[in-house]
C-alpha atoms as a PDB file:
ATOM      1  CA  UNK A   1     287.458  47.607 122.881  1.00  0.00           C
ATOM      2  CA  UNK A   2     284.678  46.978 125.408  1.00  0.00           C
ATOM      3  CA  UNK A   3     283.472  43.631 126.700  1.00  0.00           C
ATOM      4  CA  UNK A   4     281.019  41.982 124.293  1.00  0.00           C
ATOM      5  CA  UNK A   5     277.358  41.773 125.098  1.00  0.00           C
ATOM      6  CA  UNK A   6     275.740  38.382 125.477  1.00  0.00           C
ATOM      7  CA  UNK A   7     272.862  36.931 123.414  1.00  0.00           C
ATOM      8  CA  UNK A   8     269.498  37.249 125.133  1.00  0.00           C
ATOM      9  CA  UNK A   9     267.780  34.352 123.364  1.00  0.00           C
ATOM     10  CA  UNK A  10     268.431  31.198 121.365  1.00  0.00           C
ATOM     11  CA  UNK A  11     267.424  32.984 118.161  1.00  0.00           C
ATOM     12  CA  UNK A  12     269.944  35.760 118.813  1.00  0.00           C
ATOM     13  CA  UNK A  13     272.632  33.214 119.664  1.00  0.00           C
ATOM     14  CA  UNK A  14     272.101  31.331 116.400  1.00  0.00           C
ATOM     15  CA  UNK A  15     272.100  34.575 114.419  1.00  0.00           C
ATOM     16  CA  UNK A  16     275.251  36.008 116.005  1.00  0.00           C
ATOM     17  CA  UNK A  17     277.405  32.887 116.014  1.00  0.00           C
ATOM     18  CA  UNK A  18     276.664  31.242 112.691  1.00  0.00           C
ATOM     19  CA  UNK A  19     280.231  31.538 111.323  1.00  0.00           C
ATOM     20  CA  UNK A  20     283.768  30.813 112.540  1.00  0.00           C
ATOM     21  CA  UNK A  21     284.672  34.458 111.928  1.00  0.00           C
ATOM     22  CA  UNK A  22     281.912  35.719 114.231  1.00  0.00           C
ATOM     23  CA  UNK A  23     282.967  33.321 116.997  1.00  0.00           C
ATOM     24  CA  UNK A  24     286.640  34.314 116.646  1.00  0.00           C
ATOM     25  CA  UNK A  25     285.745  38.016 116.820  1.00  0.00           C
ATOM     26  CA  UNK A  26     283.713  37.434 120.003  1.00  0.00           C
ATOM     27  CA  UNK A  27     286.598  35.517 121.594  1.00  0.00           C
ATOM     28  CA  UNK A  28     289.020  38.303 120.699  1.00  0.00           C
ATOM     29  CA  UNK A  29     286.738  40.865 122.331  1.00  0.00           C
ATOM     30  CA  UNK A  30     286.379  38.646 125.426  1.00  0.00           C
ATOM     31  CA  UNK A  31     290.122  38.051 125.659  1.00  0.00           C
ATOM     32  CA  UNK A  32     291.231  41.644 125.079  1.00  0.00           C
ATOM     33  CA  UNK A  33     288.381  43.882 126.325  1.00  0.00           C
ATOM     34  CA  UNK A  34     290.873  46.698 126.917  1.00  0.00           C
ATOM     35  CA  UNK A  35     292.671  46.217 123.616  1.00  0.00           C
ATOM     36  CA  UNK A  36     295.129  43.720 122.130  1.00  0.00           C
ATOM     37  CA  UNK A  37     298.150  42.666 124.201  1.00  0.00           C
ATOM     38  CA  UNK A  38     300.931  40.639 122.590  1.00  0.00           C
ATOM     39  CA  UNK A  39     301.690  37.326 124.286  1.00  0.00           C
ATOM     40  CA  UNK A  40     305.420  37.812 123.657  1.00  0.00           C
ATOM     41  CA  UNK A  41     306.223  41.500 124.155  1.00  0.00           C
ATOM     42  CA  UNK A  42     303.000  42.978 125.520  1.00  0.00           C
ATOM     43  CA  UNK A  43     302.602  45.272 122.518  1.00  0.00           C
ATOM     44  CA  UNK A  44     299.221  47.047 122.411  1.00  0.00           C
ATOM     45  CA  UNK A  45     298.493  46.850 118.675  1.00  0.00           C
ATOM     46  CA  UNK A  46     298.202  44.164 116.027  1.00  0.00           C
ATOM     47  CA  UNK A  47     297.308  43.487 112.413  1.00  0.00           C
ATOM     48  CA  UNK A  48     294.430  41.095 111.871  1.00  0.00           C
ATOM     49  CA  UNK A  49     295.156  38.254 109.446  1.00  0.00           C
ATOM     50  CA  UNK A  50     291.618  36.943 108.850  1.00  0.00           C
ATOM     51  CA  UNK A  51     292.616  34.488 106.137  1.00  0.00           C
ATOM     52  CA  UNK A  52     294.739  32.566 108.662  1.00  0.00           C
ATOM     53  CA  UNK A  53     292.750  33.463 111.770  1.00  0.00           C
ATOM     54  CA  UNK A  54     295.747  35.157 113.360  1.00  0.00           C
ATOM     55  CA  UNK A  55     296.796  38.481 114.916  1.00  0.00           C
ATOM     56  CA  UNK A  56     300.298  39.836 114.211  1.00  0.00           C
ATOM     57  CA  UNK A  57     301.870  42.160 116.758  1.00  0.00           C
ATOM     58  CA  UNK A  58     302.906  45.482 115.203  1.00  0.00           C
ATOM     59  CA  UNK A  59     305.858  45.770 117.558  1.00  0.00           C
ATOM     60  CA  UNK A  60     307.597  42.381 117.341  1.00  0.00           C
ATOM     61  CA  UNK A  61     305.779  40.604 114.513  1.00  0.00           C
ATOM     62  CA  UNK A  62     304.685  37.688 116.716  1.00  0.00           C
ATOM     63  CA  UNK A  63     301.661  35.871 115.340  1.00  0.00           C
ATOM     64  CA  UNK A  64     299.067  34.222 117.553  1.00  0.00           C
ATOM     65  CA  UNK A  65     295.556  32.924 117.196  1.00  0.00           C
ATOM     66  CA  UNK A  66     292.768  34.131 119.467  1.00  0.00           C
ATOM     67  CA  UNK A  67     292.758  30.691 121.133  1.00  0.00           C
ATOM     68  CA  UNK A  68     296.534  30.541 121.788  1.00  0.00           C
ATOM     69  CA  UNK A  69     297.289  29.856 125.452  1.00  0.00           C
ATOM     70  CA  UNK A  70     293.622  29.361 126.353  1.00  0.00           C
ATOM     71  CA  UNK A  71     291.515  26.277 127.047  1.00  0.00           C
ATOM     72  CA  UNK A  72     290.815  26.159 123.298  1.00  0.00           C
ATOM     73  CA  UNK A  73     294.478  26.146 122.316  1.00  0.00           C
ATOM     74  CA  UNK A  74     295.200  23.706 119.501  1.00  0.00           C
ATOM     75  CA  UNK A  75     291.598  22.548 119.199  1.00  0.00           C
ATOM     76  CA  UNK A  76     290.518  20.875 115.967  1.00  0.00           C
ATOM     77  CA  UNK A  77     286.860  21.291 116.823  1.00  0.00           C
ATOM     78  CA  UNK A  78     285.227  24.293 115.062  1.00  0.00           C
ATOM     79  CA  UNK A  79     284.601  27.328 117.253  1.00  0.00           C
ATOM     80  CA  UNK A  80     280.924  27.145 116.340  1.00  0.00           C
ATOM     81  CA  UNK A  81     280.754  23.790 118.139  1.00  0.00           C
ATOM     82  CA  UNK A  82     282.573  25.186 121.171  1.00  0.00           C
ATOM     83  CA  UNK A  83     280.111  28.070 121.365  1.00  0.00           C
ATOM     84  CA  UNK A  84     277.176  25.699 121.130  1.00  0.00           C
ATOM     85  CA  UNK A  85     278.647  23.545 123.883  1.00  0.00           C
ATOM     86  CA  UNK A  86     279.154  26.594 126.129  1.00  0.00           C
ATOM     87  CA  UNK A  87     275.600  27.732 125.407  1.00  0.00           C
ATOM     88  CA  UNK A  88     274.084  24.353 126.300  1.00  0.00           C
ATOM     89  CA  UNK A  89     276.215  24.048 129.419  1.00  0.00           C
ATOM     90  CA  UNK A  90     275.262  27.448 130.804  1.00  0.00           C
ATOM     91  CA  UNK A  91     271.635  27.894 129.762  1.00  0.00           C
ATOM     92  CA  UNK A  92     269.964  24.480 130.074  1.00  0.00           C
ATOM     93  CA  UNK A  93     268.428  24.168 133.533  1.00  0.00           C
ATOM     94  CA  UNK A  94     269.737  20.627 134.165  1.00  0.00           C
ATOM     95  CA  UNK A  95     273.001  21.212 132.311  1.00  0.00           C
ATOM     96  CA  UNK A  96     274.262  18.739 129.730  1.00  0.00           C
ATOM     97  CA  UNK A  97     276.132  15.432 129.957  1.00  0.00           C
ATOM     98  CA  UNK A  98     278.899  14.347 127.589  1.00  0.00           C
ATOM     99  CA  UNK A  99     276.597  11.797 125.959  1.00  0.00           C
ATOM    100  CA  UNK A 100     273.891  14.427 125.448  1.00  0.00           C
ATOM    101  CA  UNK A 101     276.439  16.877 124.037  1.00  0.00           C
ATOM    102  CA  UNK A 102     277.743  14.270 121.598  1.00  0.00           C
ATOM    103  CA  UNK A 103     274.206  13.698 120.333  1.00  0.00           C
ATOM    104  CA  UNK A 104     273.199  17.381 120.236  1.00  0.00           C
ATOM    105  CA  UNK A 105     276.297  18.499 118.302  1.00  0.00           C
ATOM    106  CA  UNK A 106     276.697  15.368 116.214  1.00  0.00           C
ATOM    107  CA  UNK A 107     280.244  14.815 117.451  1.00  0.00           C
ATOM    108  CA  UNK A 108     282.136  11.795 116.178  1.00  0.00           C
ATOM    109  CA  UNK A 109     283.191  10.495 119.589  1.00  0.00           C
ATOM    110  CA  UNK A 110     282.213  10.544 123.243  1.00  0.00           C
ATOM    111  CA  UNK A 111     285.829  11.425 124.103  1.00  0.00           C
ATOM    112  CA  UNK A 112     285.549  14.688 122.168  1.00  0.00           C
ATOM    113  CA  UNK A 113     282.371  15.664 124.016  1.00  0.00           C
ATOM    114  CA  UNK A 114     283.863  14.673 127.397  1.00  0.00           C
ATOM    115  CA  UNK A 115     287.025  16.702 126.716  1.00  0.00           C
ATOM    116  CA  UNK A 116     285.073  19.766 125.610  1.00  0.00           C
ATOM    117  CA  UNK A 117     282.936  19.786 128.753  1.00  0.00           C
ATOM    118  CA  UNK A 118     285.896  19.241 131.066  1.00  0.00           C
ATOM    119  CA  UNK A 119     287.841  22.048 129.409  1.00  0.00           C
ATOM    120  CA  UNK A 120     284.835  24.323 129.841  1.00  0.00           C
ATOM    121  CA  UNK A 121     284.589  23.239 133.492  1.00  0.00           C
ATOM    122  CA  UNK A 122     288.160  24.482 133.942  1.00  0.00           C
ATOM    123  CA  UNK A 123     286.818  27.889 132.919  1.00  0.00           C
ATOM    124  CA  UNK A 124     284.123  27.950 135.594  1.00  0.00           C
ATOM    125  CA  UNK A 125     286.583  28.932 138.336  1.00  0.00           C
ATOM    126  CA  UNK A 126     287.632  32.570 138.208  1.00  0.00           C
ATOM    127  CA  UNK A 127     291.064  32.897 139.895  1.00  0.00           C
ATOM    128  CA  UNK A 128     290.088  36.427 140.962  1.00  0.00           C
ATOM    129  CA  UNK A 129     286.722  35.585 142.520  1.00  0.00           C
ATOM    130  CA  UNK A 130     285.994  37.257 145.836  1.00  0.00           C
ATOM    131  CA  UNK A 131     285.536  35.360 149.130  1.00  0.00           C
ATOM    132  CA  UNK A 132     282.144  34.841 150.724  1.00  0.00           C
ATOM    133  CA  UNK A 133     281.198  37.348 153.404  1.00  0.00           C
ATOM    134  CA  UNK A 134     278.395  38.498 155.716  1.00  0.00           C
ATOM    135  CA  UNK A 135     276.776  35.392 157.215  1.00  0.00           C
ATOM    136  CA  UNK A 136     277.828  32.004 155.849  1.00  0.00           C
ATOM    137  CA  UNK A 137     276.703  28.438 156.499  1.00  0.00           C
ATOM    138  CA  UNK A 138     279.396  25.766 156.275  1.00  0.00           C
ATOM    139  CA  UNK A 139     278.671  22.064 156.262  1.00  0.00           C
ATOM    140  CA  UNK A 140     280.043  18.784 154.965  1.00  0.00           C
ATOM    141  CA  UNK A 141     278.387  15.938 153.108  1.00  0.00           C
ATOM    142  CA  UNK A 142     279.155  12.735 151.246  1.00  0.00           C
ATOM    143  CA  UNK A 143     278.698  12.039 147.555  1.00  0.00           C
ATOM    144  CA  UNK A 144     278.270   8.483 146.344  1.00  0.00           C
ATOM    145  CA  UNK A 145     276.106   5.395 146.589  1.00  0.00           C
ATOM    146  CA  UNK A 146     274.381   4.078 149.694  1.00  0.00           C
ATOM    147  CA  UNK A 147     276.185   1.952 152.251  1.00  0.00           C
ATOM    148  CA  UNK A 148     274.305  -0.503 154.417  1.00  0.00           C
ATOM    149  CA  UNK A 149     274.464  -0.123 158.188  1.00  0.00           C
ATOM    150  CA  UNK A 150     276.583   3.050 157.909  1.00  0.00           C
ATOM    151  CA  UNK A 151     275.409   6.479 159.043  1.00  0.00           C
ATOM    152  CA  UNK A 152     276.707  10.046 159.279  1.00  0.00           C
ATOM    153  CA  UNK A 153     280.460  10.601 159.124  1.00  0.00           C
ATOM    154  CA  UNK A 154     281.247   6.897 159.446  1.00  0.00           C
ATOM    155  CA  UNK A 155     280.991   6.525 155.653  1.00  0.00           C
ATOM    156  CA  UNK A 156     284.204   5.183 154.113  1.00  0.00           C
ATOM    157  CA  UNK A 157     283.602   4.650 150.387  1.00  0.00           C
ATOM    158  CA  UNK A 158     281.791   7.907 149.592  1.00  0.00           C
ATOM    159  CA  UNK A 159     283.589  11.162 148.781  1.00  0.00           C
ATOM    160  CA  UNK A 160     283.426  13.876 151.448  1.00  0.00           C
ATOM    161  CA  UNK A 161     282.766  17.422 150.281  1.00  0.00           C
ATOM    162  CA  UNK A 162     282.585  20.803 152.003  1.00  0.00           C
ATOM    163  CA  UNK A 163     279.958  23.421 151.212  1.00  0.00           C
ATOM    164  CA  UNK A 164     279.846  27.113 152.102  1.00  0.00           C
ATOM    165  CA  UNK A 165     276.918  29.333 151.171  1.00  0.00           C
ATOM    166  CA  UNK A 166     276.047  32.930 152.000  1.00  0.00           C
ATOM    167  CA  UNK A 167     272.861  33.629 153.934  1.00  0.00           C
ATOM    168  CA  UNK A 168     270.796  36.415 152.396  1.00  0.00           C
ATOM    169  CA  UNK A 169     267.609  36.404 154.422  1.00  0.00           C
ATOM    170  CA  UNK A 170     265.549  33.414 153.350  1.00  0.00           C
ATOM    171  CA  UNK A 171     267.494  33.159 150.103  1.00  0.00           C
ATOM    172  CA  UNK A 172     270.943  31.741 149.395  1.00  0.00           C
ATOM    173  CA  UNK A 173     273.795  33.862 148.117  1.00  0.00           C
ATOM    174  CA  UNK A 174     277.036  32.668 146.538  1.00  0.00           C
ATOM    175  CA  UNK A 175     278.200  29.076 146.904  1.00  0.00           C
ATOM    176  CA  UNK A 176     281.554  27.295 147.201  1.00  0.00           C
ATOM    177  CA  UNK A 177     282.177  23.520 147.026  1.00  0.00           C
ATOM    178  CA  UNK A 178     285.282  21.380 147.453  1.00  0.00           C
ATOM    179  CA  UNK A 179     286.013  17.649 147.451  1.00  0.00           C
ATOM    180  CA  UNK A 180     287.994  16.673 150.564  1.00  0.00           C
ATOM    181  CA  UNK A 181     290.229  13.862 151.695  1.00  0.00           C
ATOM    182  CA  UNK A 182     288.274  13.706 154.968  1.00  0.00           C
ATOM    183  CA  UNK A 183     286.172  15.930 157.247  1.00  0.00           C
ATOM    184  CA  UNK A 184     288.806  16.609 159.871  1.00  0.00           C
ATOM    185  CA  UNK A 185     289.794  20.112 160.903  1.00  0.00           C
ATOM    186  CA  UNK A 186     292.928  19.725 158.753  1.00  0.00           C
ATOM    187  CA  UNK A 187     290.672  19.622 155.674  1.00  0.00           C
ATOM    188  CA  UNK A 188     287.724  21.792 156.719  1.00  0.00           C
ATOM    189  CA  UNK A 189     289.606  24.795 158.114  1.00  0.00           C
ATOM    190  CA  UNK A 190     291.715  25.386 154.955  1.00  0.00           C
ATOM    191  CA  UNK A 191     288.498  25.233 152.909  1.00  0.00           C
ATOM    192  CA  UNK A 192     286.937  27.966 155.053  1.00  0.00           C
ATOM    193  CA  UNK A 193     290.097  30.096 154.960  1.00  0.00           C
ATOM    194  CA  UNK A 194     290.247  29.821 151.164  1.00  0.00           C
ATOM    195  CA  UNK A 195     286.597  30.658 150.544  1.00  0.00           C
ATOM    196  CA  UNK A 196     285.310  32.862 153.379  1.00  0.00           C
ATOM    197  CA  UNK A 197     286.498  36.348 154.325  1.00  0.00           C
ATOM    198  CA  UNK A 198     288.029  36.644 157.829  1.00  0.00           C
ATOM    199  CA  UNK A 199     285.673  38.208 160.355  1.00  0.00           C
ATOM    200  CA  UNK A 200     282.624  36.630 158.729  1.00  0.00           C
ATOM    201  CA  UNK A 201     279.976  34.999 160.915  1.00  0.00           C
ATOM    202  CA  UNK A 202     280.196  31.281 160.120  1.00  0.00           C
ATOM    203  CA  UNK A 203     277.374  28.929 161.132  1.00  0.00           C
ATOM    204  CA  UNK A 204     278.161  25.201 161.455  1.00  0.00           C
ATOM    205  CA  UNK A 205     276.858  22.177 163.270  1.00  0.00           C
ATOM    206  CA  UNK A 206     278.653  20.811 166.321  1.00  0.00           C
ATOM    207  CA  UNK A 207     281.186  18.632 164.465  1.00  0.00           C
ATOM    208  CA  UNK A 208     284.657  18.837 166.047  1.00  0.00           C
ATOM    209  CA  UNK A 209     286.273  19.589 162.681  1.00  0.00           C
ATOM    210  CA  UNK A 210     284.976  23.160 162.929  1.00  0.00           C
ATOM    211  CA  UNK A 211     286.313  23.777 166.447  1.00  0.00           C
ATOM    212  CA  UNK A 212     289.214  25.972 165.274  1.00  0.00           C
ATOM    213  CA  UNK A 213     287.168  28.535 163.358  1.00  0.00           C
ATOM    214  CA  UNK A 214     287.117  31.017 166.225  1.00  0.00           C
ATOM    215  CA  UNK A 215     290.912  30.990 166.529  1.00  0.00           C
ATOM    216  CA  UNK A 216     291.163  31.332 162.748  1.00  0.00           C
ATOM    217  CA  UNK A 217     289.469  34.746 162.885  1.00  0.00           C
ATOM    218  CA  UNK A 218     285.817  33.902 162.297  1.00  0.00           C
ATOM    219  CA  UNK A 219     282.728  34.529 164.412  1.00  0.00           C
ATOM    220  CA  UNK A 220     281.806  30.910 164.902  1.00  0.00           C
ATOM    221  CA  UNK A 221     278.167  30.120 165.652  1.00  0.00           C
ATOM    222  CA  UNK A 222     277.305  26.479 166.398  1.00  0.00           C
ATOM    223  CA  UNK A 223     273.804  25.259 165.615  1.00  0.00           C
ATOM    224  CA  UNK A 224     272.627  22.024 167.162  1.00  0.00           C
ATOM    225  CA  UNK A 225     269.671  19.820 166.301  1.00  0.00           C
ATOM    226  CA  UNK A 226     266.726  19.733 168.687  1.00  0.00           C
ATOM    227  CA  UNK A 227     265.548  16.592 166.938  1.00  0.00           C
ATOM    228  CA  UNK A 228     267.285  14.069 164.698  1.00  0.00           C
ATOM    229  CA  UNK A 229     264.166  13.853 162.523  1.00  0.00           C
ATOM    230  CA  UNK A 230     264.970  16.882 160.367  1.00  0.00           C
ATOM    231  CA  UNK A 231     268.677  17.841 160.344  1.00  0.00           C
ATOM    232  CA  UNK A 232     268.092  20.070 157.296  1.00  0.00           C
ATOM    233  CA  UNK A 233     266.542  22.710 159.591  1.00  0.00           C
ATOM    234  CA  UNK A 234     269.889  23.291 161.320  1.00  0.00           C
ATOM    235  CA  UNK A 235     271.753  24.618 158.256  1.00  0.00           C
ATOM    236  CA  UNK A 236     268.887  25.198 155.860  1.00  0.00           C
ATOM    237  CA  UNK A 237     270.811  26.932 153.028  1.00  0.00           C
ATOM    238  CA  UNK A 238     273.705  24.475 153.024  1.00  0.00           C
ATOM    239  CA  UNK A 239     271.414  21.448 153.088  1.00  0.00           C
ATOM    240  CA  UNK A 240     269.356  22.846 150.213  1.00  0.00           C
ATOM    241  CA  UNK A 241     272.505  23.300 148.116  1.00  0.00           C
ATOM    242  CA  UNK A 242     273.687  19.772 148.937  1.00  0.00           C
ATOM    243  CA  UNK A 243     270.294  18.310 148.051  1.00  0.00           C
ATOM    244  CA  UNK A 244     270.230  20.147 144.716  1.00  0.00           C
ATOM    245  CA  UNK A 245     273.809  19.066 143.983  1.00  0.00           C
ATOM    246  CA  UNK A 246     273.036  15.395 144.562  1.00  0.00           C
ATOM    247  CA  UNK A 247     269.896  15.584 142.423  1.00  0.00           C
ATOM    248  CA  UNK A 248     271.860  17.251 139.603  1.00  0.00           C
ATOM    249  CA  UNK A 249     274.715  14.749 139.696  1.00  0.00           C
ATOM    250  CA  UNK A 250     272.316  11.830 139.636  1.00  0.00           C
ATOM    251  CA  UNK A 251     269.764  13.259 137.233  1.00  0.00           C
ATOM    252  CA  UNK A 252     272.027  14.810 134.580  1.00  0.00           C
ATOM    253  CA  UNK A 253     275.199  12.759 134.943  1.00  0.00           C
ATOM    254  CA  UNK A 254     273.853   9.573 136.572  1.00  0.00           C
ATOM    255  CA  UNK A 255     276.536   9.739 139.230  1.00  0.00           C
ATOM    256  CA  UNK A 256     280.187  10.827 139.125  1.00  0.00           C
ATOM    257  CA  UNK A 257     283.245   8.943 140.354  1.00  0.00           C
ATOM    258  CA  UNK A 258     285.372  10.470 143.098  1.00  0.00           C
ATOM    259  CA  UNK A 259     288.386  11.087 140.838  1.00  0.00           C
ATOM    260  CA  UNK A 260     286.246  13.218 138.501  1.00  0.00           C
ATOM    261  CA  UNK A 261     284.139  14.958 141.157  1.00  0.00           C
ATOM    262  CA  UNK A 262     285.813  18.368 141.633  1.00  0.00           C
ATOM    263  CA  UNK A 263     285.235  19.668 138.067  1.00  0.00           C
ATOM    264  CA  UNK A 264     281.542  18.832 138.450  1.00  0.00           C
ATOM    265  CA  UNK A 265     281.453  20.668 141.780  1.00  0.00           C
ATOM    266  CA  UNK A 266     283.017  23.669 140.020  1.00  0.00           C
ATOM    267  CA  UNK A 267     280.393  23.562 137.271  1.00  0.00           C
ATOM    268  CA  UNK A 268     277.548  23.295 139.769  1.00  0.00           C
ATOM    269  CA  UNK A 269     278.961  26.250 141.733  1.00  0.00           C
ATOM    270  CA  UNK A 270     279.278  28.324 138.556  1.00  0.00           C
ATOM    271  CA  UNK A 271     275.718  27.534 137.486  1.00  0.00           C
ATOM    272  CA  UNK A 272     274.288  28.044 140.997  1.00  0.00           C
ATOM    273  CA  UNK A 273     275.916  31.451 141.404  1.00  0.00           C
ATOM    274  CA  UNK A 274     274.553  32.571 138.012  1.00  0.00           C
ATOM    275  CA  UNK A 275     271.199  30.815 138.150  1.00  0.00           C
ATOM    276  CA  UNK A 276     269.289  34.061 137.627  1.00  0.00           C
ATOM    277  CA  UNK A 277     271.393  35.177 134.625  1.00  0.00           C
ATOM    278  CA  UNK A 278     272.116  32.068 132.511  1.00  0.00           C
ATOM    279  CA  UNK A 279     272.753  34.042 129.319  1.00  0.00           C
ATOM    280  CA  UNK A 280     275.296  36.239 131.116  1.00  0.00           C
ATOM    281  CA  UNK A 281     276.915  33.006 132.316  1.00  0.00           C
ATOM    282  CA  UNK A 282     277.669  32.158 128.679  1.00  0.00           C
ATOM    283  CA  UNK A 283     279.660  35.380 128.305  1.00  0.00           C
ATOM    284  CA  UNK A 284     281.398  34.860 131.647  1.00  0.00           C
ATOM    285  CA  UNK A 285     282.422  31.308 130.762  1.00  0.00           C
ATOM    286  CA  UNK A 286     284.067  32.357 127.495  1.00  0.00           C
ATOM    287  CA  UNK A 287     285.669  35.351 129.184  1.00  0.00           C
ATOM    288  CA  UNK A 288     287.271  33.252 131.925  1.00  0.00           C
ATOM    289  CA  UNK A 289     288.173  30.569 129.392  1.00  0.00           C
ATOM    290  CA  UNK A 290     290.258  33.078 127.438  1.00  0.00           C
ATOM    291  CA  UNK A 291     292.502  33.509 130.498  1.00  0.00           C
ATOM    292  CA  UNK A 292     292.717  29.886 131.693  1.00  0.00           C
ATOM    293  CA  UNK A 293     295.977  28.102 130.747  1.00  0.00           C
ATOM    294  CA  UNK A 294     296.055  25.469 128.031  1.00  0.00           C
ATOM    295  CA  UNK A 295     294.897  22.010 129.061  1.00  0.00           C
ATOM    296  CA  UNK A 296     294.898  18.831 126.957  1.00  0.00           C
ATOM    297  CA  UNK A 297     292.915  15.609 127.150  1.00  0.00           C
ATOM    298  CA  UNK A 298     295.937  13.773 128.617  1.00  0.00           C
ATOM    299  CA  UNK A 299     296.432  16.550 131.202  1.00  0.00           C
ATOM    300  CA  UNK A 300     292.774  16.289 132.186  1.00  0.00           C
ATOM    301  CA  UNK A 301     293.020  12.540 132.624  1.00  0.00           C
ATOM    302  CA  UNK A 302     296.265  12.825 134.608  1.00  0.00           C
ATOM    303  CA  UNK A 303     294.855  15.487 136.931  1.00  0.00           C
ATOM    304  CA  UNK A 304     291.770  13.402 137.546  1.00  0.00           C
ATOM    305  CA  UNK A 305     293.829  10.310 138.357  1.00  0.00           C
ATOM    306  CA  UNK A 306     296.007  12.281 140.760  1.00  0.00           C
ATOM    307  CA  UNK A 307     293.043  13.916 142.474  1.00  0.00           C
END
């Protein structure tokens, strides 16, 4: 069984995924591209039970649905609606808010729409993704409302974030974002270690939080401003990503609270890194989602409250 192809247009999407059976078959192909594997014994073959939407392992008889153990585990929302939500999330240029999703899909409650989007956001982070490499710009910024008489890193009520983006000539490569407790070296250096390959040339500004990058195994290049009038010229790619992020958060979601910020950063990263192939992003999202552990509404709320 090979990986499924992805729809190239809205018309093809509507034609391919008009039934629950078609959606379930696509999920099965995304989850087991190399063939069925039993969740209990690892058996490589199964009987399909289409009437009940289950697969029964030929070796041990264990029965499981295609959504068992995934982000869709136990969902009462039809798969057709999940596919439509994933399509809107990955292909619309500005993305989609929970309120917009509720209206577009005719969902009964805002909570259902919010839960669907947050579960899908859990599937935007591939545990096996590769680190950034080559030349990378790293910077920090603050997300939140304006504060009077406060400038730079003196901000206290906004949420600090770190950004790392590959430099590919005049263009930007892959992006990574993370919400931080602060912008000290204790927060910034672990972010770089987790997202950037050792030996990479890392460009930063002169902030002291980046002072340990050289000792951590990176080729640290410090860029300083010649004029305070245009700081964006120092780390052009990072500042462009930050500017686009802020515009997206404000324009599509009308702002996001700090306790909910990281999933939105993950979605923005996913969309940014696949901005040239939005239809392929739909396939990737469902493929990752079939390998992400089960998460419930209460788990989402608890994780958000605990940061």
